[in-house]
Amino acid sequence: GLGPSVLYVPATKTNDGAYYVLKDNEKNASEITFTDALMESPLYLQLGLGLEIGKVGLRVRYLFESDSTMGNFIETRSSMDLFQLTSGSLSLALSLKMF
């Protein structure tokens, strides 16, 4: 799979105000619209595998952060930029069907 992600951090007692975490920096939520934050946020690639045995399910997923942003992808129309990966994370999920 492929998709964008926008990280919004709400205002709390420990930070001055709400902000968006973008590809290269952070911007105050009052300085940027959600759409602009979406265009400046990194794209993610996901590879996953799922297995079900009876009522037990196991899912393994690896999420890669791309060096490309949605705005960059729309501007250049180059799919090769999507595969310039900067980081990744692994997640495991175990599920149990009740019925």
PDB file of N, CA and C in Angstrom:
ATOM      1  N   GLY A   1       0.809  -1.178   0.000  1.00  0.00           N
ATOM      2  CA  GLY A   1       0.000   0.000   0.000  1.00  0.00           C
ATOM      3  C   GLY A   1       0.857   1.248   0.000  1.00  0.00           C
ATOM      4  N   LEU A   2       0.258   2.341  -0.330  1.00  0.00           N
ATOM      5  CA  LEU A   2       0.918   3.638  -0.369  1.00  0.00           C
ATOM      6  C   LEU A   2      -0.064   4.684   0.110  1.00  0.00           C
ATOM      7  N   GLY A   3       0.400   5.629   0.909  1.00  0.00           N
ATOM      8  CA  GLY A   3      -0.495   6.690   1.339  1.00  0.00           C
ATOM      9  C   GLY A   3       0.198   7.764   2.131  1.00  0.00           C
ATOM     10  N   PRO A   4      -0.449   8.925   2.217  1.00  0.00           N
ATOM     11  CA  PRO A   4       0.097  10.024   3.012  1.00  0.00           C
ATOM     12  C   PRO A   4      -0.326   9.890   4.471  1.00  0.00           C
ATOM     13  N   SER A   5       0.340  10.621   5.323  1.00  0.00           N
ATOM     14  CA  SER A   5      -0.009  10.658   6.732  1.00  0.00           C
ATOM     15  C   SER A   5       0.284  12.054   7.251  1.00  0.00           C
ATOM     16  N   VAL A   6      -0.624  12.599   8.038  1.00  0.00           N
ATOM     17  CA  VAL A   6      -0.427  13.913   8.640  1.00  0.00           C
ATOM     18  C   VAL A   6      -0.371  13.727  10.149  1.00  0.00           C
ATOM     19  N   LEU A   7       0.720  14.191  10.765  1.00  0.00           N
ATOM     20  CA  LEU A   7       0.871  14.093  12.214  1.00  0.00           C
ATOM     21  C   LEU A   7       0.542  15.447  12.832  1.00  0.00           C
ATOM     22  N   TYR A   8      -0.569  15.503  13.560  1.00  0.00           N
ATOM     23  CA  TYR A   8      -1.041  16.714  14.231  1.00  0.00           C
ATOM     24  C   TYR A   8      -0.844  16.535  15.728  1.00  0.00           C
ATOM     25  N   VAL A   9      -0.182  17.488  16.371  1.00  0.00           N
ATOM     26  CA  VAL A   9       0.045  17.435  17.812  1.00  0.00           C
ATOM     27  C   VAL A   9      -0.788  18.544  18.453  1.00  0.00           C
ATOM     28  N   PRO A  10      -1.793  18.188  19.248  1.00  0.00           N
ATOM     29  CA  PRO A  10      -2.644  19.225  19.852  1.00  0.00           C
ATOM     30  C   PRO A  10      -1.906  19.994  20.954  1.00  0.00           C
ATOM     31  N   ALA A  11      -2.440  21.145  21.306  1.00  0.00           N
ATOM     32  CA  ALA A  11      -1.860  21.960  22.376  1.00  0.00           C
ATOM     33  C   ALA A  11      -2.030  21.247  23.717  1.00  0.00           C
ATOM     34  N   THR A  12      -0.979  21.288  24.525  1.00  0.00           N
ATOM     35  CA  THR A  12      -1.009  20.714  25.871  1.00  0.00           C
ATOM     36  C   THR A  12      -0.335  21.686  26.830  1.00  0.00           C
ATOM     37  N   LYS A  13      -0.224  21.286  28.072  1.00  0.00           N
ATOM     38  CA  LYS A  13       0.461  22.125  29.063  1.00  0.00           C
ATOM     39  C   LYS A  13       1.954  22.242  28.768  1.00  0.00           C
ATOM     40  N   THR A  14       2.521  21.251  28.092  1.00  0.00           N
ATOM     41  CA  THR A  14       3.970  21.240  27.860  1.00  0.00           C
ATOM     42  C   THR A  14       4.398  21.885  26.548  1.00  0.00           C
ATOM     43  N   ASN A  15       3.469  22.151  25.626  1.00  0.00           N
ATOM     44  CA  ASN A  15       3.855  22.842  24.390  1.00  0.00           C
ATOM     45  C   ASN A  15       3.011  24.105  24.223  1.00  0.00           C
ATOM     46  N   ASP A  16       3.511  25.031  23.446  1.00  0.00           N
ATOM     47  CA  ASP A  16       2.876  26.349  23.306  1.00  0.00           C
ATOM     48  C   ASP A  16       1.567  26.310  22.533  1.00  0.00           C
ATOM     49  N   GLY A  17       1.458  25.428  21.577  1.00  0.00           N
ATOM     50  CA  GLY A  17       0.247  25.367  20.770  1.00  0.00           C
ATOM     51  C   GLY A  17       0.262  24.166  19.858  1.00  0.00           C
ATOM     52  N   ALA A  18      -0.843  23.948  19.182  1.00  0.00           N
ATOM     53  CA  ALA A  18      -0.953  22.818  18.262  1.00  0.00           C
ATOM     54  C   ALA A  18      -0.038  23.033  17.064  1.00  0.00           C
ATOM     55  N   TYR A  19       0.518  21.925  16.554  1.00  0.00           N
ATOM     56  CA  TYR A  19       1.401  22.016  15.394  1.00  0.00           C
ATOM     57  C   TYR A  19       1.343  20.737  14.576  1.00  0.00           C
ATOM     58  N   TYR A  20       1.818  20.846  13.338  1.00  0.00           N
ATOM     59  CA  TYR A  20       1.949  19.705  12.437  1.00  0.00           C
ATOM     60  C   TYR A  20       3.421  19.324  12.344  1.00  0.00           C
ATOM     61  N   VAL A  21       3.705  18.021  12.348  1.00  0.00           N
ATOM     62  CA  VAL A  21       5.061  17.531  12.114  1.00  0.00           C
ATOM     63  C   VAL A  21       5.151  17.203  10.633  1.00  0.00           C
ATOM     64  N   LEU A  22       5.987  17.951   9.924  1.00  0.00           N
ATOM     65  CA  LEU A  22       6.127  17.802   8.480  1.00  0.00           C
ATOM     66  C   LEU A  22       7.396  17.028   8.158  1.00  0.00           C
ATOM     67  N   LYS A  23       7.692  16.866   6.888  1.00  0.00           N
ATOM     68  CA  LYS A  23       8.853  16.081   6.466  1.00  0.00           C
ATOM     69  C   LYS A  23      10.158  16.631   7.032  1.00  0.00           C
ATOM     70  N   ASP A  24      10.375  17.940   6.922  1.00  0.00           N
ATOM     71  CA  ASP A  24      11.653  18.516   7.340  1.00  0.00           C
ATOM     72  C   ASP A  24      11.574  19.378   8.590  1.00  0.00           C
ATOM     73  N   ASN A  25      10.376  19.707   9.056  1.00  0.00           N
ATOM     74  CA  ASN A  25      10.257  20.591  10.211  1.00  0.00           C
ATOM     75  C   ASN A  25       8.877  20.474  10.839  1.00  0.00           C
ATOM     76  N   GLU A  26       8.596  21.369  11.774  1.00  0.00           N
ATOM     77  CA  GLU A  26       7.282  21.467  12.401  1.00  0.00           C
ATOM     78  C   GLU A  26       6.737  22.857  12.117  1.00  0.00           C
ATOM     79  N   LYS A  27       5.409  22.951  11.946  1.00  0.00           N
ATOM     80  CA  LYS A  27       4.780  24.256  11.732  1.00  0.00           C
ATOM     81  C   LYS A  27       3.573  24.386  12.646  1.00  0.00           C
ATOM     82  N   ASN A  28       3.414  25.576  13.207  1.00  0.00           N
ATOM     83  CA  ASN A  28       2.276  25.879  14.050  1.00  0.00           C
ATOM     84  C   ASN A  28       0.995  25.692  13.238  1.00  0.00           C
ATOM     85  N   ALA A  29      -0.008  25.093  13.848  1.00  0.00           N
ATOM     86  CA  ALA A  29      -1.262  24.801  13.135  1.00  0.00           C
ATOM     87  C   ALA A  29      -1.976  26.067  12.675  1.00  0.00           C
ATOM     88  N   SER A  30      -1.712  27.192  13.317  1.00  0.00           N
ATOM     89  CA  SER A  30      -2.347  28.442  12.891  1.00  0.00           C
ATOM     90  C   SER A  30      -1.652  29.053  11.674  1.00  0.00           C
ATOM     91  N   GLU A  31      -0.460  28.551  11.328  1.00  0.00           N
ATOM     92  CA  GLU A  31       0.311  29.092  10.204  1.00  0.00           C
ATOM     93  C   GLU A  31       0.132  28.315   8.905  1.00  0.00           C
ATOM     94  N   ILE A  32      -0.511  27.154   8.974  1.00  0.00           N
ATOM     95  CA  ILE A  32      -0.603  26.288   7.796  1.00  0.00           C
ATOM     96  C   ILE A  32      -1.965  25.598   7.788  1.00  0.00           C
ATOM     97  N   THR A  33      -2.528  25.410   6.617  1.00  0.00           N
ATOM     98  CA  THR A  33      -3.806  24.704   6.519  1.00  0.00           C
ATOM     99  C   THR A  33      -3.561  23.195   6.546  1.00  0.00           C
ATOM    100  N   PHE A  34      -4.618  22.436   6.799  1.00  0.00           N
ATOM    101  CA  PHE A  34      -4.495  20.982   6.796  1.00  0.00           C
ATOM    102  C   PHE A  34      -4.047  20.481   5.424  1.00  0.00           C
ATOM    103  N   THR A  35      -4.604  21.058   4.368  1.00  0.00           N
ATOM    104  CA  THR A  35      -4.245  20.637   3.006  1.00  0.00           C
ATOM    105  C   THR A  35      -2.767  20.875   2.726  1.00  0.00           C
ATOM    106  N   ASP A  36      -2.245  22.030   3.140  1.00  0.00           N
ATOM    107  CA  ASP A  36      -0.819  22.304   2.948  1.00  0.00           C
ATOM    108  C   ASP A  36       0.038  21.354   3.779  1.00  0.00           C
ATOM    109  N   ALA A  37      -0.416  21.038   4.998  1.00  0.00           N
ATOM    110  CA  ALA A  37       0.309  20.079   5.836  1.00  0.00           C
ATOM    111  C   ALA A  37       0.321  18.702   5.177  1.00  0.00           C
ATOM    112  N   LEU A  38      -0.792  18.316   4.567  1.00  0.00           N
ATOM    113  CA  LEU A  38      -0.867  17.043   3.850  1.00  0.00           C
ATOM    114  C   LEU A  38       0.135  17.006   2.699  1.00  0.00           C
ATOM    115  N   MET A  39       0.250  18.105   1.971  1.00  0.00           N
ATOM    116  CA  MET A  39       1.160  18.165   0.821  1.00  0.00           C
ATOM    117  C   MET A  39       2.629  18.150   1.241  1.00  0.00           C
ATOM    118  N   GLU A  40       2.949  18.592   2.472  1.00  0.00           N
ATOM    119  CA  GLU A  40       4.331  18.656   2.946  1.00  0.00           C
ATOM    120  C   GLU A  40       4.709  17.486   3.850  1.00  0.00           C
ATOM    121  N   SER A  41       3.789  16.564   4.086  1.00  0.00           N
ATOM    122  CA  SER A  41       4.060  15.403   4.935  1.00  0.00           C
ATOM    123  C   SER A  41       4.610  14.256   4.095  1.00  0.00           C
ATOM    124  N   PRO A  42       5.403  13.370   4.706  1.00  0.00           N
ATOM    125  CA  PRO A  42       5.980  12.262   3.942  1.00  0.00           C
ATOM    126  C   PRO A  42       4.934  11.242   3.508  1.00  0.00           C
ATOM    127  N   LEU A  43       5.241  10.533   2.439  1.00  0.00           N
ATOM    128  CA  LEU A  43       4.421   9.410   1.987  1.00  0.00           C
ATOM    129  C   LEU A  43       4.955   8.134   2.622  1.00  0.00           C
ATOM    130  N   TYR A  44       4.086   7.150   2.791  1.00  0.00           N
ATOM    131  CA  TYR A  44       4.470   5.887   3.408  1.00  0.00           C
ATOM    132  C   TYR A  44       4.137   4.720   2.491  1.00  0.00           C
ATOM    133  N   LEU A  45       5.028   3.754   2.455  1.00  0.00           N
ATOM    134  CA  LEU A  45       4.805   2.493   1.753  1.00  0.00           C
ATOM    135  C   LEU A  45       4.632   1.412   2.809  1.00  0.00           C
ATOM    136  N   GLN A  46       3.721   0.487   2.558  1.00  0.00           N
ATOM    137  CA  GLN A  46       3.444  -0.564   3.523  1.00  0.00           C
ATOM    138  C   GLN A  46       3.479  -1.924   2.845  1.00  0.00           C
ATOM    139  N   LEU A  47       4.170  -2.852   3.467  1.00  0.00           N
ATOM    140  CA  LEU A  47       4.177  -4.245   3.031  1.00  0.00           C
ATOM    141  C   LEU A  47       3.644  -5.075   4.186  1.00  0.00           C
ATOM    142  N   GLY A  48       2.760  -5.999   3.889  1.00  0.00           N
ATOM    143  CA  GLY A  48       2.196  -6.778   4.969  1.00  0.00           C
ATOM    144  C   GLY A  48       1.843  -8.187   4.555  1.00  0.00           C
ATOM    145  N   LEU A  49       1.688  -9.032   5.556  1.00  0.00           N
ATOM    146  CA  LEU A  49       1.331 -10.425   5.357  1.00  0.00           C
ATOM    147  C   LEU A  49       0.410 -10.830   6.501  1.00  0.00           C
ATOM    148  N   GLY A  50      -0.678 -11.499   6.177  1.00  0.00           N
ATOM    149  CA  GLY A  50      -1.607 -11.960   7.192  1.00  0.00           C
ATOM    150  C   GLY A  50      -1.842 -13.454   7.077  1.00  0.00           C
ATOM    151  N   LEU A  51      -2.071 -14.083   8.206  1.00  0.00           N
ATOM    152  CA  LEU A  51      -2.285 -15.525   8.254  1.00  0.00           C
ATOM    153  C   LEU A  51      -3.371 -15.809   9.286  1.00  0.00           C
ATOM    154  N   GLU A  52      -4.319 -16.657   8.932  1.00  0.00           N
ATOM    155  CA  GLU A  52      -5.360 -17.061   9.877  1.00  0.00           C
ATOM    156  C   GLU A  52      -5.392 -18.573   9.975  1.00  0.00           C
ATOM    157  N   ILE A  53      -5.347 -19.055  11.206  1.00  0.00           N
ATOM    158  CA  ILE A  53      -5.449 -20.484  11.480  1.00  0.00           C
ATOM    159  C   ILE A  53      -6.586 -20.647  12.480  1.00  0.00           C
ATOM    160  N   GLY A  54      -7.705 -21.151  11.989  1.00  0.00           N
ATOM    161  CA  GLY A  54      -8.876 -21.267  12.855  1.00  0.00           C
ATOM    162  C   GLY A  54      -9.351 -19.901  13.304  1.00  0.00           C
ATOM    163  N   LYS A  55      -9.415 -19.709  14.624  1.00  0.00           N
ATOM    164  CA  LYS A  55      -9.878 -18.436  15.175  1.00  0.00           C
ATOM    165  C   LYS A  55      -8.739 -17.472  15.487  1.00  0.00           C
ATOM    166  N   VAL A  56      -7.525 -17.848  15.193  1.00  0.00           N
ATOM    167  CA  VAL A  56      -6.368 -17.001  15.502  1.00  0.00           C
ATOM    168  C   VAL A  56      -5.815 -16.398  14.214  1.00  0.00           C
ATOM    169  N   GLY A  57      -5.583 -15.100  14.253  1.00  0.00           N
ATOM    170  CA  GLY A  57      -5.005 -14.399  13.108  1.00  0.00           C
ATOM    171  C   GLY A  57      -3.692 -13.738  13.496  1.00  0.00           C
ATOM    172  N   LEU A  58      -2.753 -13.718  12.588  1.00  0.00           N
ATOM    173  CA  LEU A  58      -1.462 -13.071  12.807  1.00  0.00           C
ATOM    174  C   LEU A  58      -1.190 -12.155  11.626  1.00  0.00           C
ATOM    175  N   ARG A  59      -0.832 -10.930  11.910  1.00  0.00           N
ATOM    176  CA  ARG A  59      -0.524  -9.959  10.864  1.00  0.00           C
ATOM    177  C   ARG A  59       0.852  -9.363  11.124  1.00  0.00           C
ATOM    178  N   VAL A  60       1.660  -9.313  10.085  1.00  0.00           N
ATOM    179  CA  VAL A  60       2.982  -8.693  10.139  1.00  0.00           C
ATOM    180  C   VAL A  60       2.980  -7.573   9.108  1.00  0.00           C
ATOM    181  N   ARG A  61       3.424  -6.388   9.526  1.00  0.00           N
ATOM    182  CA  ARG A  61       3.417  -5.240   8.621  1.00  0.00           C
ATOM    183  C   ARG A  61       4.706  -4.453   8.808  1.00  0.00           C
ATOM    184  N   TYR A  62       5.292  -4.033   7.690  1.00  0.00           N
ATOM    185  CA  TYR A  62       6.461  -3.153   7.737  1.00  0.00           C
ATOM    186  C   TYR A  62       6.090  -1.860   7.034  1.00  0.00           C
ATOM    187  N   LEU A  63       6.245  -0.747   7.725  1.00  0.00           N
ATOM    188  CA  LEU A  63       5.881   0.570   7.219  1.00  0.00           C
ATOM    189  C   LEU A  63       7.154   1.356   6.933  1.00  0.00           C
ATOM    190  N   PHE A  64       7.322   1.779   5.678  1.00  0.00           N
ATOM    191  CA  PHE A  64       8.493   2.543   5.253  1.00  0.00           C
ATOM    192  C   PHE A  64       8.115   4.005   5.066  1.00  0.00           C
ATOM    193  N   GLU A  65       8.940   4.923   5.589  1.00  0.00           N
ATOM    194  CA  GLU A  65       8.736   6.350   5.319  1.00  0.00           C
ATOM    195  C   GLU A  65       9.540   6.725   4.090  1.00  0.00           C
ATOM    196  N   SER A  66       8.874   7.337   3.130  1.00  0.00           N
ATOM    197  CA  SER A  66       9.517   7.748   1.885  1.00  0.00           C
ATOM    198  C   SER A  66      10.106   9.142   2.042  1.00  0.00           C
ATOM    199  N   ASP A  67      11.132   9.433   1.255  1.00  0.00           N
ATOM    200  CA  ASP A  67      11.733  10.763   1.242  1.00  0.00           C
ATOM    201  C   ASP A  67      10.864  11.740   0.454  1.00  0.00           C
ATOM    202  N   SER A  68       9.863  11.239  -0.242  1.00  0.00           N
ATOM    203  CA  SER A  68       8.981  12.055  -1.072  1.00  0.00           C
ATOM    204  C   SER A  68       7.770  12.536  -0.269  1.00  0.00           C
ATOM    205  N   THR A  69       7.195  13.651  -0.692  1.00  0.00           N
ATOM    206  CA  THR A  69       5.957  14.160  -0.101  1.00  0.00           C
ATOM    207  C   THR A  69       4.856  14.101  -1.157  1.00  0.00           C
ATOM    208  N   MET A  70       3.622  14.279  -0.726  1.00  0.00           N
ATOM    209  CA  MET A  70       2.504  14.282  -1.667  1.00  0.00           C
ATOM    210  C   MET A  70       2.667  15.416  -2.680  1.00  0.00           C
ATOM    211  N   GLY A  71       3.064  16.595  -2.206  1.00  0.00           N
ATOM    212  CA  GLY A  71       3.265  17.729  -3.102  1.00  0.00           C
ATOM    213  C   GLY A  71       4.362  17.471  -4.114  1.00  0.00           C
ATOM    214  N   ASN A  72       5.460  16.853  -3.666  1.00  0.00           N
ATOM    215  CA  ASN A  72       6.572  16.522  -4.561  1.00  0.00           C
ATOM    216  C   ASN A  72       6.137  15.496  -5.602  1.00  0.00           C
ATOM    217  N   PHE A  73       5.370  14.501  -5.172  1.00  0.00           N
ATOM    218  CA  PHE A  73       4.907  13.460  -6.088  1.00  0.00           C
ATOM    219  C   PHE A  73       3.979  14.039  -7.157  1.00  0.00           C
ATOM    220  N   ILE A  74       3.060  14.907  -6.759  1.00  0.00           N
ATOM    221  CA  ILE A  74       2.140  15.530  -7.718  1.00  0.00           C
ATOM    222  C   ILE A  74       2.899  16.427  -8.686  1.00  0.00           C
ATOM    223  N   GLU A  75       3.893  17.138  -8.166  1.00  0.00           N
ATOM    224  CA  GLU A  75       4.662  18.071  -8.991  1.00  0.00           C
ATOM    225  C   GLU A  75       5.537  17.356 -10.017  1.00  0.00           C
ATOM    226  N   THR A  76       6.249  16.315  -9.607  1.00  0.00           N
ATOM    227  CA  THR A  76       7.203  15.643 -10.503  1.00  0.00           C
ATOM    228  C   THR A  76       6.596  14.466 -11.252  1.00  0.00           C
ATOM    229  N   ARG A  77       5.527  13.869 -10.710  1.00  0.00           N
ATOM    230  CA  ARG A  77       4.906  12.673 -11.300  1.00  0.00           C
ATOM    231  C   ARG A  77       5.905  11.520 -11.450  1.00  0.00           C
ATOM    232  N   SER A  78       6.918  11.512 -10.607  1.00  0.00           N
ATOM    233  CA  SER A  78       7.944  10.472 -10.676  1.00  0.00           C
ATOM    234  C   SER A  78       7.704   9.444  -9.575  1.00  0.00           C
ATOM    235  N   SER A  79       7.401   8.222  -9.959  1.00  0.00           N
ATOM    236  CA  SER A  79       7.174   7.179  -8.966  1.00  0.00           C
ATOM    237  C   SER A  79       8.481   6.680  -8.358  1.00  0.00           C
ATOM    238  N   MET A  80       9.608   6.953  -8.991  1.00  0.00           N
ATOM    239  CA  MET A  80      10.893   6.503  -8.445  1.00  0.00           C
ATOM    240  C   MET A  80      11.230   7.229  -7.140  1.00  0.00           C
ATOM    241  N   ASP A  81      10.747   8.465  -6.970  1.00  0.00           N
ATOM    242  CA  ASP A  81      10.985   9.200  -5.727  1.00  0.00           C
ATOM    243  C   ASP A  81      10.334   8.506  -4.535  1.00  0.00           C
ATOM    244  N   LEU A  82       9.283   7.741  -4.780  1.00  0.00           N
ATOM    245  CA  LEU A  82       8.596   7.047  -3.698  1.00  0.00           C
ATOM    246  C   LEU A  82       9.481   5.993  -3.046  1.00  0.00           C
ATOM    247  N   PHE A  83      10.435   5.473  -3.786  1.00  0.00           N
ATOM    248  CA  PHE A  83      11.268   4.385  -3.288  1.00  0.00           C
ATOM    249  C   PHE A  83      12.579   4.869  -2.681  1.00  0.00           C
ATOM    250  N   GLN A  84      12.707   6.175  -2.453  1.00  0.00           N
ATOM    251  CA  GLN A  84      13.827   6.734  -1.700  1.00  0.00           C
ATOM    252  C   GLN A  84      13.407   6.680  -0.229  1.00  0.00           C
ATOM    253  N   LEU A  85      13.655   5.566   0.429  1.00  0.00           N
ATOM    254  CA  LEU A  85      13.141   5.324   1.775  1.00  0.00           C
ATOM    255  C   LEU A  85      14.109   5.849   2.829  1.00  0.00           C
ATOM    256  N   THR A  86      13.554   6.457   3.890  1.00  0.00           N
ATOM    257  CA  THR A  86      14.398   7.034   4.933  1.00  0.00           C
ATOM    258  C   THR A  86      14.360   6.243   6.235  1.00  0.00           C
ATOM    259  N   SER A  87      13.234   5.632   6.566  1.00  0.00           N
ATOM    260  CA  SER A  87      13.139   4.867   7.807  1.00  0.00           C
ATOM    261  C   SER A  87      11.995   3.870   7.690  1.00  0.00           C
ATOM    262  N   GLY A  88      11.911   2.987   8.670  1.00  0.00           N
ATOM    263  CA  GLY A  88      10.852   1.994   8.654  1.00  0.00           C
ATOM    264  C   GLY A  88      10.548   1.485  10.043  1.00  0.00           C
ATOM    265  N   SER A  89       9.395   0.844  10.183  1.00  0.00           N
ATOM    266  CA  SER A  89       9.017   0.256  11.466  1.00  0.00           C
ATOM    267  C   SER A  89       8.222  -1.024  11.221  1.00  0.00           C
ATOM    268  N   LEU A  90       8.363  -1.946  12.127  1.00  0.00           N
ATOM    269  CA  LEU A  90       7.714  -3.250  12.042  1.00  0.00           C
ATOM    270  C   LEU A  90       6.593  -3.316  13.070  1.00  0.00           C
ATOM    271  N   SER A  91       5.450  -3.853  12.670  1.00  0.00           N
ATOM    272  CA  SER A  91       4.368  -4.066  13.636  1.00  0.00           C
ATOM    273  C   SER A  91       3.840  -5.489  13.498  1.00  0.00           C
ATOM    274  N   LEU A  92       3.493  -6.062  14.619  1.00  0.00           N
ATOM    275  CA  LEU A  92       2.914  -7.402  14.683  1.00  0.00           C
ATOM    276  C   LEU A  92       1.555  -7.296  15.362  1.00  0.00           C
ATOM    277  N   ALA A  93       0.570  -8.009  14.863  1.00  0.00           N
ATOM    278  CA  ALA A  93      -0.760  -8.003  15.479  1.00  0.00           C
ATOM    279  C   ALA A  93      -1.265  -9.436  15.571  1.00  0.00           C
ATOM    280  N   LEU A  94      -1.790  -9.770  16.708  1.00  0.00           N
ATOM    281  CA  LEU A  94      -2.389 -11.080  16.949  1.00  0.00           C
ATOM    282  C   LEU A  94      -3.867 -10.845  17.225  1.00  0.00           C
ATOM    283  N   SER A  95      -4.737 -11.565  16.538  1.00  0.00           N
ATOM    284  CA  SER A  95      -6.177 -11.379  16.733  1.00  0.00           C
ATOM    285  C   SER A  95      -6.839 -12.714  17.036  1.00  0.00           C
ATOM    286  N   LEU A  96      -7.948 -12.635  17.737  1.00  0.00           N
ATOM    287  CA  LEU A  96      -8.719 -13.819  18.101  1.00  0.00           C
ATOM    288  C   LEU A  96     -10.175 -13.562  17.740  1.00  0.00           C
ATOM    289  N   LYS A  97     -10.746 -14.426  16.908  1.00  0.00           N
ATOM    290  CA  LYS A  97     -12.155 -14.292  16.526  1.00  0.00           C
ATOM    291  C   LYS A  97     -13.015 -14.859  17.647  1.00  0.00           C
ATOM    292  N   MET A  98     -14.009 -14.083  18.037  1.00  0.00           N
ATOM    293  CA  MET A  98     -14.868 -14.503  19.146  1.00  0.00           C
ATOM    294  C   MET A  98     -16.041 -15.359  18.676  1.00  0.00           C
ATOM    295  N   PHE A  99     -16.485 -15.175  17.424  1.00  0.00           N
ATOM    296  CA  PHE A  99     -17.659 -15.907  16.955  1.00  0.00           C
ATOM    297  C   PHE A  99     -17.345 -16.695  15.724  1.00  0.00           C
TER     298      PHE A  99
END
